[in-house]
């Protein structure tokens, strides 16, 4: 990740960070069925159950890449709300994060 990918007024987060949403989108090398393509074009997901591993490989790499740019250190991440590994039409990573109050309490 580079600073050019962030809004011009972005300030590095130095407090507790919550990953609100992270989506890893992969494309298939073979053609899509019409049903699958229509589903994806309408905003639906098709979950990817093949390699790479989401937690050990994808998510860790993303978190490490943003350290020192988006937030001071990756140890500041204390909440991950929603992460998906899916098939899609265009490869990309979508991520939303925010700095939160350390005293925020979620119900279990």
Protein backbone atom coordinates (compact mmCIF):
# COMPACT_ATOMS: atom_id res chain seq x y z
CA UNK A 1 0.00 0.00 0.00
CA UNK A 2 1.17 3.52 -0.74
CA UNK A 3 0.10 6.97 0.43
CA UNK A 4 -1.16 7.68 -3.11
CA UNK A 5 -3.94 5.15 -2.51
CA UNK A 6 -5.29 7.09 0.47
CA UNK A 7 -7.38 10.30 0.55
CA UNK A 8 -5.23 13.44 0.40
CA UNK A 9 -6.33 14.53 3.89
CA UNK A 10 -5.64 11.11 5.46
CA UNK A 11 -3.83 11.09 8.83
CA UNK A 12 -2.10 7.97 10.09
CA UNK A 13 -4.07 6.28 12.89
CA UNK A 14 -2.26 6.10 16.21
CA UNK A 15 -5.03 4.72 18.42
CA UNK A 16 -7.13 1.56 18.42
CA UNK A 17 -8.15 0.47 14.92
CA UNK A 18 -11.18 -1.51 13.77
CA UNK A 19 -11.23 -3.22 10.40
CA UNK A 20 -14.89 -2.72 9.47
CA UNK A 21 -14.73 -4.75 6.29
CA UNK A 22 -12.13 -6.52 4.16
CA UNK A 23 -12.93 -8.35 0.91
CA UNK A 24 -10.33 -10.21 -1.13
CA UNK A 25 -11.67 -10.62 -4.67
CA UNK A 26 -10.15 -13.17 -7.08
CA UNK A 27 -10.99 -13.73 -10.74
CA UNK A 28 -11.40 -17.14 -12.33
CA UNK A 29 -9.25 -18.07 -15.30
CA UNK A 30 -12.13 -19.95 -16.93
CA UNK A 31 -15.45 -18.48 -18.06
CA UNK A 32 -18.36 -17.78 -15.76
CA UNK A 33 -21.80 -19.29 -16.21
CA UNK A 34 -24.51 -16.73 -17.04
CA UNK A 35 -26.12 -17.27 -13.62
CA UNK A 36 -22.81 -16.71 -11.79
CA UNK A 37 -21.91 -13.67 -13.90
CA UNK A 38 -25.35 -12.09 -13.36
CA UNK A 39 -25.05 -12.74 -9.62
CA UNK A 40 -21.63 -11.07 -9.46
CA UNK A 41 -22.71 -8.12 -11.61
CA UNK A 42 -25.65 -7.52 -9.26
CA UNK A 43 -23.25 -7.19 -6.30
CA UNK A 44 -23.46 -10.76 -5.00
CA UNK A 45 -20.58 -12.88 -3.75
CA UNK A 46 -19.39 -16.36 -4.62
CA UNK A 47 -17.20 -17.53 -1.78
CA UNK A 48 -13.73 -18.86 -2.67
CA UNK A 49 -12.79 -22.02 -0.77
CA UNK A 50 -9.44 -22.69 -2.44
CA UNK A 51 -5.94 -21.36 -1.74
CA UNK A 52 -4.59 -18.95 -0.65
CA UNK A 53 -5.53 -19.17 3.00
CA UNK A 54 -7.43 -16.07 4.10
CA UNK A 55 -6.12 -15.62 7.64
CA UNK A 56 -2.48 -16.68 7.47
CA UNK A 57 -1.64 -15.42 3.99
CA UNK A 58 -4.07 -12.79 2.71
CA UNK A 59 -5.14 -10.93 5.83
CA UNK A 60 -1.71 -10.93 7.48
CA UNK A 61 -0.07 -9.64 4.30
CA UNK A 62 -2.61 -6.84 3.99
CA UNK A 63 -2.26 -5.82 7.65
CA UNK A 64 1.54 -5.85 7.41
CA UNK A 65 1.47 -3.79 4.17
CA UNK A 66 -0.62 -1.03 5.80
CA UNK A 67 1.52 -0.81 8.95
CA UNK A 68 3.38 2.49 9.11
CA UNK A 69 1.10 3.99 6.44
CA UNK A 70 -2.51 3.60 7.58
CA UNK A 71 -1.77 3.00 11.26
CA UNK A 72 1.40 3.37 13.27
CA UNK A 73 1.71 -0.34 14.14
CA UNK A 74 -0.41 -3.39 13.35
CA UNK A 75 -0.74 -4.19 17.05
CA UNK A 76 -3.25 -1.30 17.18
CA UNK A 77 -5.82 -3.44 15.34
CA UNK A 78 -8.17 -4.74 18.00
CA UNK A 79 -11.36 -5.55 16.08
CA UNK A 80 -12.06 -7.22 12.75
CA UNK A 81 -15.75 -7.15 11.90
CA UNK A 82 -16.17 -8.74 8.48
CA UNK A 83 -13.65 -10.46 6.20
CA UNK A 84 -14.43 -12.39 3.01
CA UNK A 85 -12.49 -14.27 0.33
CA UNK A 86 -14.59 -14.38 -2.84
CA UNK A 87 -14.64 -14.84 -6.60
CA UNK A 88 -15.41 -11.76 -8.66
CA UNK A 89 -15.16 -10.17 -12.07
CA UNK A 90 -12.28 -7.80 -11.21
CA UNK A 91 -9.43 -8.69 -8.79
CA UNK A 92 -9.11 -6.27 -5.89
CA UNK A 93 -8.99 -5.80 -2.15
CA UNK A 94 -11.72 -3.68 -0.58
CA UNK A 95 -11.03 -2.50 2.96
CA UNK A 96 -12.72 -0.12 5.38
CA UNK A 97 -11.18 0.77 8.71
CA UNK A 98 -11.59 3.36 11.43
CA UNK A 99 -9.92 4.56 14.57
CA UNK A 100 -12.06 3.72 17.60
CA UNK A 101 -12.30 4.52 21.29
CA UNK A 102 -10.37 1.94 23.36
CA UNK A 103 -13.32 1.77 25.76
CA UNK A 104 -15.79 0.71 23.05
CA UNK A 105 -17.80 -2.27 24.29
CA UNK A 106 -19.38 -4.79 21.94
CA UNK A 107 -21.96 -7.27 23.14
CA UNK A 108 -20.94 -10.87 22.60
